Each structure stands twice: as C-alpha cells, then as structure tokens.
C-alpha cells in the first residue's frame, strides 16, 4: 500500500480509516516514547496540531514530459 500513500490513494482502501483533523491528542497507559522519523520528541500524553501554510512545496512546470 506504500506506493499509494504518496498520491493519497491509500485513503480509499477498505483497511484504511481516514479522519481529517486540525489536531490530535495521544494518550497511552503506560506512557510511551514519541519517536517521530527516528527522533525522540518526548512521552505520551502529547498533543499535535497542524500549522497551516507551514510547509512550502515547489513543483517544476512540465511540458511534454520535460522539465522547464
């Protein structure tokens, strides 16, 4: 299913539950380490929120399969 993640097509798979949100809270008993992309960021409980417009993505223009 990993190839579908890049295009967003994974959300249509029956085994995937998709819940759009602006933030989430994570709790566990017992508390566990929060590992984000290989970096330790703390312990649960934790809250995460989306920062609108925080990431800028640049894409090249394409004409006839060539990058301009």
C-alpha atoms as a PDB file:
ATOM      1  CA  UNK A   1       0.000   0.000   0.000  1.00  0.00           C
ATOM      2  CA  UNK A   2       3.016   2.302   0.488  1.00  0.00           C
ATOM      3  CA  UNK A   3       3.140   3.472  -3.170  1.00  0.00           C
ATOM      4  CA  UNK A   4      -0.443   4.727  -2.784  1.00  0.00           C
ATOM      5  CA  UNK A   5       0.454   6.906   0.223  1.00  0.00           C
ATOM      6  CA  UNK A   6       2.451   9.398  -1.868  1.00  0.00           C
ATOM      7  CA  UNK A   7      -0.539  10.068  -4.121  1.00  0.00           C
ATOM      8  CA  UNK A   8      -3.159   9.905  -1.362  1.00  0.00           C
ATOM      9  CA  UNK A   9      -4.927   6.929  -2.946  1.00  0.00           C
ATOM     10  CA  UNK A  10      -4.468   4.854   0.227  1.00  0.00           C
ATOM     11  CA  UNK A  11      -7.464   6.584   1.846  1.00  0.00           C
ATOM     12  CA  UNK A  12      -9.804   4.654  -0.478  1.00  0.00           C
ATOM     13  CA  UNK A  13      -8.567   1.252   0.721  1.00  0.00           C
ATOM     14  CA  UNK A  14     -11.070  -0.701   2.868  1.00  0.00           C
ATOM     15  CA  UNK A  15      -8.431  -1.348   5.549  1.00  0.00           C
ATOM     16  CA  UNK A  16      -7.631   2.371   5.957  1.00  0.00           C
ATOM     17  CA  UNK A  17      -9.525   4.648   8.331  1.00  0.00           C
ATOM     18  CA  UNK A  18      -9.149   8.306   7.327  1.00  0.00           C
ATOM     19  CA  UNK A  19     -10.136  11.134   9.658  1.00  0.00           C
ATOM     20  CA  UNK A  20      -9.219  14.675   8.555  1.00  0.00           C
ATOM     21  CA  UNK A  21      -8.303  16.790  11.585  1.00  0.00           C
ATOM     22  CA  UNK A  22      -6.558  20.014  12.560  1.00  0.00           C
ATOM     23  CA  UNK A  23      -5.039  18.337  15.608  1.00  0.00           C
ATOM     24  CA  UNK A  24      -4.903  15.148  17.649  1.00  0.00           C
ATOM     25  CA  UNK A  25      -4.163  14.084  21.213  1.00  0.00           C
ATOM     26  CA  UNK A  26      -2.349  10.852  22.010  1.00  0.00           C
ATOM     27  CA  UNK A  27      -2.580   9.071  25.378  1.00  0.00           C
ATOM     28  CA  UNK A  28      -1.344   5.677  26.496  1.00  0.00           C
ATOM     29  CA  UNK A  29      -1.124   3.620  29.668  1.00  0.00           C
ATOM     30  CA  UNK A  30       1.706   3.232  30.411  1.00  0.00           C
ATOM     31  CA  UNK A  31       3.270   6.345  28.835  1.00  0.00           C
ATOM     32  CA  UNK A  32       5.468   5.604  25.804  1.00  0.00           C
ATOM     33  CA  UNK A  33       8.261   7.414  23.979  1.00  0.00           C
ATOM     34  CA  UNK A  34       7.220   9.546  20.998  1.00  0.00           C
ATOM     35  CA  UNK A  35       9.522   8.748  18.080  1.00  0.00           C
ATOM     36  CA  UNK A  36       8.983  10.952  15.019  1.00  0.00           C
ATOM     37  CA  UNK A  37      11.019   9.938  11.997  1.00  0.00           C
ATOM     38  CA  UNK A  38      13.757   8.490  14.195  1.00  0.00           C
ATOM     39  CA  UNK A  39      13.966  11.431  16.621  1.00  0.00           C
ATOM     40  CA  UNK A  40      12.753  11.226  20.226  1.00  0.00           C
ATOM     41  CA  UNK A  41      10.289  14.045  20.937  1.00  0.00           C
ATOM     42  CA  UNK A  42       9.066  13.203  24.432  1.00  0.00           C
ATOM     43  CA  UNK A  43       6.498  10.949  26.046  1.00  0.00           C
ATOM     44  CA  UNK A  44       2.762  10.484  25.934  1.00  0.00           C
ATOM     45  CA  UNK A  45       0.394  12.120  26.608  1.00  0.00           C
ATOM     46  CA  UNK A  46       1.006  14.567  23.762  1.00  0.00           C
ATOM     47  CA  UNK A  47      -0.945  16.898  21.502  1.00  0.00           C
ATOM     48  CA  UNK A  48      -0.171  17.614  17.861  1.00  0.00           C
ATOM     49  CA  UNK A  49      -1.656  20.323  15.672  1.00  0.00           C
ATOM     50  CA  UNK A  50      -1.414  21.342  12.036  1.00  0.00           C
ATOM     51  CA  UNK A  51       0.306  24.630  11.256  1.00  0.00           C
ATOM     52  CA  UNK A  52      -1.455  25.969   8.149  1.00  0.00           C
ATOM     53  CA  UNK A  53       0.914  27.133   5.399  1.00  0.00           C
ATOM     54  CA  UNK A  54       3.950  25.986   7.424  1.00  0.00           C
ATOM     55  CA  UNK A  55       5.448  23.972   4.564  1.00  0.00           C
ATOM     56  CA  UNK A  56       6.089  25.440   1.135  1.00  0.00           C
ATOM     57  CA  UNK A  57       6.206  22.958  -1.743  1.00  0.00           C
ATOM     58  CA  UNK A  58       7.731  23.908  -5.081  1.00  0.00           C
ATOM     59  CA  UNK A  59       6.974  21.848  -8.176  1.00  0.00           C
ATOM     60  CA  UNK A  60       8.573  22.297 -11.594  1.00  0.00           C
ATOM     61  CA  UNK A  61       6.398  23.041 -14.601  1.00  0.00           C
ATOM     62  CA  UNK A  62       6.238  20.159 -17.065  1.00  0.00           C
ATOM     63  CA  UNK A  63       5.573  20.352 -20.787  1.00  0.00           C
ATOM     64  CA  UNK A  64       5.625  17.213 -22.950  1.00  0.00           C
ATOM     65  CA  UNK A  65       7.400  15.184 -20.215  1.00  0.00           C
ATOM     66  CA  UNK A  66      10.245  17.734 -19.990  1.00  0.00           C
ATOM     67  CA  UNK A  67      11.093  19.905 -17.016  1.00  0.00           C
ATOM     68  CA  UNK A  68      11.246  23.589 -17.976  1.00  0.00           C
END
